[in-house]
């Protein structure tokens, strides 16, 4: 929680978006991180755009949350809500904005949004107090079982 307060003091703004420019910039961020860390980025910019733009069932929606600092994307999370569950598909965080806590800001914005949608589980990396302490309390309080699996991520 301290990180999100710091982000707000620093002027970080978190938005939900589906604009072409934001999708392209987020995808480039994910691609750059995957290349610098030496792993293949699953998916494509076209897939992200398709998922965000197409209608599904009322309880199946895609969302791109971005944390921006001075108008520049510092972190993002591409998520899907399926019923009362929220799943993390892609994410990225630019370490040059770590002081502004953009990563924490975007994750807590997703959690707050999920709670407003009456969701009971946010599956970032499974519910694990060691590797994912940020969303562990939310998931545990919501009654989720502890699970361990690997996320699809670019950051």
C-alpha atoms as a PDB file:
ATOM      1  CA  UNK A   1       0.000   0.000   0.000  1.00  0.00           C
ATOM      2  CA  UNK A   2       2.894   2.386   0.702  1.00  0.00           C
ATOM      3  CA  UNK A   3       3.994   2.107  -2.928  1.00  0.00           C
ATOM      4  CA  UNK A   4       0.602   3.182  -4.241  1.00  0.00           C
ATOM      5  CA  UNK A   5       0.540   6.233  -1.990  1.00  0.00           C
ATOM      6  CA  UNK A   6       4.026   7.139  -3.180  1.00  0.00           C
ATOM      7  CA  UNK A   7       2.931   6.708  -6.803  1.00  0.00           C
ATOM      8  CA  UNK A   8       0.023   9.100  -6.236  1.00  0.00           C
ATOM      9  CA  UNK A   9       2.323  11.675  -4.597  1.00  0.00           C
ATOM     10  CA  UNK A  10       4.715  11.373  -7.544  1.00  0.00           C
ATOM     11  CA  UNK A  11       1.881  12.091  -9.993  1.00  0.00           C
ATOM     12  CA  UNK A  12       1.403   8.599 -11.459  1.00  0.00           C
ATOM     13  CA  UNK A  13      -1.942   8.209 -13.199  1.00  0.00           C
ATOM     14  CA  UNK A  14      -3.457   4.779 -13.908  1.00  0.00           C
ATOM     15  CA  UNK A  15      -5.861   4.476 -16.821  1.00  0.00           C
ATOM     16  CA  UNK A  16      -7.813   1.704 -18.516  1.00  0.00           C
ATOM     17  CA  UNK A  17      -7.435   2.099 -22.273  1.00  0.00           C
ATOM     18  CA  UNK A  18      -7.894   0.490 -25.650  1.00  0.00           C
ATOM     19  CA  UNK A  19      -6.417   3.251 -27.810  1.00  0.00           C
ATOM     20  CA  UNK A  20      -4.209   2.191 -30.713  1.00  0.00           C
ATOM     21  CA  UNK A  21      -1.312   4.356 -29.518  1.00  0.00           C
ATOM     22  CA  UNK A  22      -1.393   2.968 -25.981  1.00  0.00           C
ATOM     23  CA  UNK A  23      -1.654  -0.634 -27.207  1.00  0.00           C
ATOM     24  CA  UNK A  24       1.319  -0.127 -29.549  1.00  0.00           C
ATOM     25  CA  UNK A  25       3.434   1.526 -26.858  1.00  0.00           C
ATOM     26  CA  UNK A  26       2.589  -1.188 -24.311  1.00  0.00           C
ATOM     27  CA  UNK A  27       3.389  -3.942 -26.810  1.00  0.00           C
ATOM     28  CA  UNK A  28       6.742  -2.309 -27.661  1.00  0.00           C
ATOM     29  CA  UNK A  29       7.537  -2.114 -23.941  1.00  0.00           C
ATOM     30  CA  UNK A  30       6.748  -5.830 -23.529  1.00  0.00           C
ATOM     31  CA  UNK A  31       8.772  -6.718 -26.631  1.00  0.00           C
ATOM     32  CA  UNK A  32      11.805  -4.681 -25.517  1.00  0.00           C
ATOM     33  CA  UNK A  33      11.766  -6.307 -22.084  1.00  0.00           C
ATOM     34  CA  UNK A  34      11.418  -9.809 -23.551  1.00  0.00           C
ATOM     35  CA  UNK A  35      14.352  -9.187 -25.886  1.00  0.00           C
ATOM     36  CA  UNK A  36      16.562  -7.716 -23.162  1.00  0.00           C
ATOM     37  CA  UNK A  37      15.769 -10.621 -20.804  1.00  0.00           C
ATOM     38  CA  UNK A  38      16.095 -13.252 -23.521  1.00  0.00           C
ATOM     39  CA  UNK A  39      12.637 -14.803 -23.680  1.00  0.00           C
ATOM     40  CA  UNK A  40      10.042 -15.010 -26.423  1.00  0.00           C
ATOM     41  CA  UNK A  41       7.052 -12.738 -25.980  1.00  0.00           C
ATOM     42  CA  UNK A  42       3.880 -14.794 -26.450  1.00  0.00           C
ATOM     43  CA  UNK A  43       1.265 -13.102 -28.598  1.00  0.00           C
ATOM     44  CA  UNK A  44       1.448 -10.011 -30.764  1.00  0.00           C
ATOM     45  CA  UNK A  45       0.284  -6.427 -30.937  1.00  0.00           C
ATOM     46  CA  UNK A  46      -2.468  -7.545 -33.302  1.00  0.00           C
ATOM     47  CA  UNK A  47      -3.653 -10.153 -30.780  1.00  0.00           C
ATOM     48  CA  UNK A  48      -3.744  -7.583 -27.979  1.00  0.00           C
ATOM     49  CA  UNK A  49      -5.730  -5.194 -30.168  1.00  0.00           C
ATOM     50  CA  UNK A  50      -8.122  -7.978 -31.269  1.00  0.00           C
ATOM     51  CA  UNK A  51      -8.777  -9.111 -27.699  1.00  0.00           C
ATOM     52  CA  UNK A  52      -9.443  -5.575 -26.461  1.00  0.00           C
ATOM     53  CA  UNK A  53     -11.699  -4.631 -29.363  1.00  0.00           C
ATOM     54  CA  UNK A  54     -13.969  -7.650 -29.726  1.00  0.00           C
ATOM     55  CA  UNK A  55     -17.097  -8.437 -27.760  1.00  0.00           C
ATOM     56  CA  UNK A  56     -17.372 -11.602 -25.764  1.00  0.00           C
ATOM     57  CA  UNK A  57     -19.901 -12.629 -23.152  1.00  0.00           C
ATOM     58  CA  UNK A  58     -20.947 -10.054 -20.567  1.00  0.00           C
ATOM     59  CA  UNK A  59     -18.824 -11.782 -17.929  1.00  0.00           C
ATOM     60  CA  UNK A  60     -15.752 -12.171 -20.189  1.00  0.00           C
ATOM     61  CA  UNK A  61     -13.930  -8.894 -20.763  1.00  0.00           C
ATOM     62  CA  UNK A  62     -10.383  -7.793 -21.608  1.00  0.00           C
ATOM     63  CA  UNK A  63      -8.709  -4.703 -20.143  1.00  0.00           C
ATOM     64  CA  UNK A  64      -5.403  -2.881 -20.466  1.00  0.00           C
ATOM     65  CA  UNK A  65      -4.384  -0.865 -17.404  1.00  0.00           C
ATOM     66  CA  UNK A  66      -1.456   1.538 -17.766  1.00  0.00           C
ATOM     67  CA  UNK A  67       0.427   3.548 -15.162  1.00  0.00           C
ATOM     68  CA  UNK A  68       1.660   6.773 -16.708  1.00  0.00           C
ATOM     69  CA  UNK A  69       4.182   9.193 -15.302  1.00  0.00           C
ATOM     70  CA  UNK A  70       4.345  12.582 -16.969  1.00  0.00           C
ATOM     71  CA  UNK A  71       2.394  11.111 -19.895  1.00  0.00           C
ATOM     72  CA  UNK A  72       4.828   8.216 -20.431  1.00  0.00           C
ATOM     73  CA  UNK A  73       3.794   4.596 -19.863  1.00  0.00           C
ATOM     74  CA  UNK A  74       5.805   3.235 -16.952  1.00  0.00           C
ATOM     75  CA  UNK A  75       3.925  -0.027 -16.371  1.00  0.00           C
ATOM     76  CA  UNK A  76       0.987  -1.967 -17.681  1.00  0.00           C
ATOM     77  CA  UNK A  77      -1.159  -5.013 -17.070  1.00  0.00           C
ATOM     78  CA  UNK A  78      -3.299  -6.706 -19.713  1.00  0.00           C
ATOM     79  CA  UNK A  79      -5.977  -8.688 -17.902  1.00  0.00           C
ATOM     80  CA  UNK A  80      -9.080 -10.736 -18.608  1.00  0.00           C
ATOM     81  CA  UNK A  81     -12.107 -10.924 -16.325  1.00  0.00           C
ATOM     82  CA  UNK A  82     -13.956 -14.212 -16.557  1.00  0.00           C
ATOM     83  CA  UNK A  83     -16.926 -14.266 -14.245  1.00  0.00           C
ATOM     84  CA  UNK A  84     -15.601 -13.504 -10.778  1.00  0.00           C
ATOM     85  CA  UNK A  85     -11.965 -14.239 -11.661  1.00  0.00           C
ATOM     86  CA  UNK A  86      -9.381 -11.854 -13.069  1.00  0.00           C
ATOM     87  CA  UNK A  87      -6.372 -13.320 -14.886  1.00  0.00           C
ATOM     88  CA  UNK A  88      -3.117 -11.566 -15.746  1.00  0.00           C
ATOM     89  CA  UNK A  89      -2.094 -12.170 -19.376  1.00  0.00           C
ATOM     90  CA  UNK A  90       0.748  -9.713 -20.121  1.00  0.00           C
ATOM     91  CA  UNK A  91       2.537  -7.131 -18.067  1.00  0.00           C
ATOM     92  CA  UNK A  92       5.523  -4.831 -18.128  1.00  0.00           C
ATOM     93  CA  UNK A  93       7.229  -2.321 -15.905  1.00  0.00           C
ATOM     94  CA  UNK A  94       9.969   0.100 -16.915  1.00  0.00           C
ATOM     95  CA  UNK A  95      12.585   0.045 -14.158  1.00  0.00           C
ATOM     96  CA  UNK A  96      13.529   3.660 -14.813  1.00  0.00           C
ATOM     97  CA  UNK A  97      10.213   4.550 -13.140  1.00  0.00           C
ATOM     98  CA  UNK A  98      10.736   2.314 -10.096  1.00  0.00           C
ATOM     99  CA  UNK A  99      11.072   5.345  -7.811  1.00  0.00           C
ATOM    100  CA  UNK A 100       7.566   6.401  -8.866  1.00  0.00           C
ATOM    101  CA  UNK A 101       6.232   2.911  -8.022  1.00  0.00           C
ATOM    102  CA  UNK A 102       4.404   2.508 -11.342  1.00  0.00           C
ATOM    103  CA  UNK A 103       4.282  -1.292 -11.022  1.00  0.00           C
ATOM    104  CA  UNK A 104       2.542  -1.205  -7.655  1.00  0.00           C
ATOM    105  CA  UNK A 105       0.182   1.508  -8.871  1.00  0.00           C
ATOM    106  CA  UNK A 106      -1.014  -0.496 -11.866  1.00  0.00           C
ATOM    107  CA  UNK A 107      -1.444  -3.728  -9.882  1.00  0.00           C
ATOM    108  CA  UNK A 108      -3.455  -2.041  -7.122  1.00  0.00           C
ATOM    109  CA  UNK A 109      -5.610  -0.286  -9.730  1.00  0.00           C
ATOM    110  CA  UNK A 110      -6.437  -3.721 -11.178  1.00  0.00           C
ATOM    111  CA  UNK A 111      -7.212  -5.062  -7.701  1.00  0.00           C
ATOM    112  CA  UNK A 112      -9.455  -2.097  -6.873  1.00  0.00           C
ATOM    113  CA  UNK A 113     -11.236  -2.483 -10.211  1.00  0.00           C
ATOM    114  CA  UNK A 114     -11.636  -6.239  -9.635  1.00  0.00           C
ATOM    115  CA  UNK A 115     -13.136  -5.615  -6.191  1.00  0.00           C
ATOM    116  CA  UNK A 116     -15.580  -3.113  -7.723  1.00  0.00           C
ATOM    117  CA  UNK A 117     -16.621  -5.864 -10.171  1.00  0.00           C
ATOM    118  CA  UNK A 118     -17.234  -8.229  -7.220  1.00  0.00           C
ATOM    119  CA  UNK A 119     -14.403 -10.478  -8.343  1.00  0.00           C
ATOM    120  CA  UNK A 120     -13.041 -12.941  -5.808  1.00  0.00           C
ATOM    121  CA  UNK A 121      -9.703 -13.855  -7.309  1.00  0.00           C
ATOM    122  CA  UNK A 122      -6.871 -12.087  -9.104  1.00  0.00           C
ATOM    123  CA  UNK A 123      -4.576 -14.683 -10.620  1.00  0.00           C
ATOM    124  CA  UNK A 124      -1.276 -12.894 -11.107  1.00  0.00           C
ATOM    125  CA  UNK A 125       1.165 -15.682 -10.273  1.00  0.00           C
ATOM    126  CA  UNK A 126      -1.046 -17.870  -8.243  1.00  0.00           C
ATOM    127  CA  UNK A 127      -1.665 -17.025  -4.622  1.00  0.00           C
ATOM    128  CA  UNK A 128       1.727 -17.136  -3.009  1.00  0.00           C
ATOM    129  CA  UNK A 129       2.831 -14.938  -0.091  1.00  0.00           C
ATOM    130  CA  UNK A 130       6.524 -15.223  -1.009  1.00  0.00           C
ATOM    131  CA  UNK A 131       6.655 -14.546  -4.759  1.00  0.00           C
ATOM    132  CA  UNK A 132       3.532 -12.408  -4.950  1.00  0.00           C
ATOM    133  CA  UNK A 133       2.925 -10.620  -1.656  1.00  0.00           C
ATOM    134  CA  UNK A 134       1.132  -7.717  -3.366  1.00  0.00           C
ATOM    135  CA  UNK A 135      -2.095  -9.542  -4.245  1.00  0.00           C
ATOM    136  CA  UNK A 136      -1.804 -12.383  -1.718  1.00  0.00           C
ATOM    137  CA  UNK A 137      -3.882 -10.633   0.990  1.00  0.00           C
ATOM    138  CA  UNK A 138      -6.678  -9.820  -1.494  1.00  0.00           C
ATOM    139  CA  UNK A 139      -6.828 -13.384  -2.799  1.00  0.00           C
ATOM    140  CA  UNK A 140      -6.550 -14.983   0.653  1.00  0.00           C
ATOM    141  CA  UNK A 141      -9.249 -12.714   2.074  1.00  0.00           C
ATOM    142  CA  UNK A 142     -11.433 -13.665  -0.892  1.00  0.00           C
ATOM    143  CA  UNK A 143     -11.072 -17.338   0.036  1.00  0.00           C
ATOM    144  CA  UNK A 144      -8.779 -18.420  -2.790  1.00  0.00           C
ATOM    145  CA  UNK A 145      -6.762 -21.598  -2.459  1.00  0.00           C
ATOM    146  CA  UNK A 146      -3.013 -21.342  -2.698  1.00  0.00           C
ATOM    147  CA  UNK A 147      -1.849 -22.397  -6.144  1.00  0.00           C
ATOM    148  CA  UNK A 148       1.539 -22.229  -7.761  1.00  0.00           C
ATOM    149  CA  UNK A 149       2.039 -21.847 -11.481  1.00  0.00           C
ATOM    150  CA  UNK A 150       3.957 -19.739 -13.929  1.00  0.00           C
ATOM    151  CA  UNK A 151       2.442 -16.567 -15.345  1.00  0.00           C
ATOM    152  CA  UNK A 152       2.694 -15.363 -18.925  1.00  0.00           C
ATOM    153  CA  UNK A 153       4.466 -12.051 -18.574  1.00  0.00           C
ATOM    154  CA  UNK A 154       6.906  -9.710 -20.159  1.00  0.00           C
ATOM    155  CA  UNK A 155       8.070  -7.812 -17.140  1.00  0.00           C
END
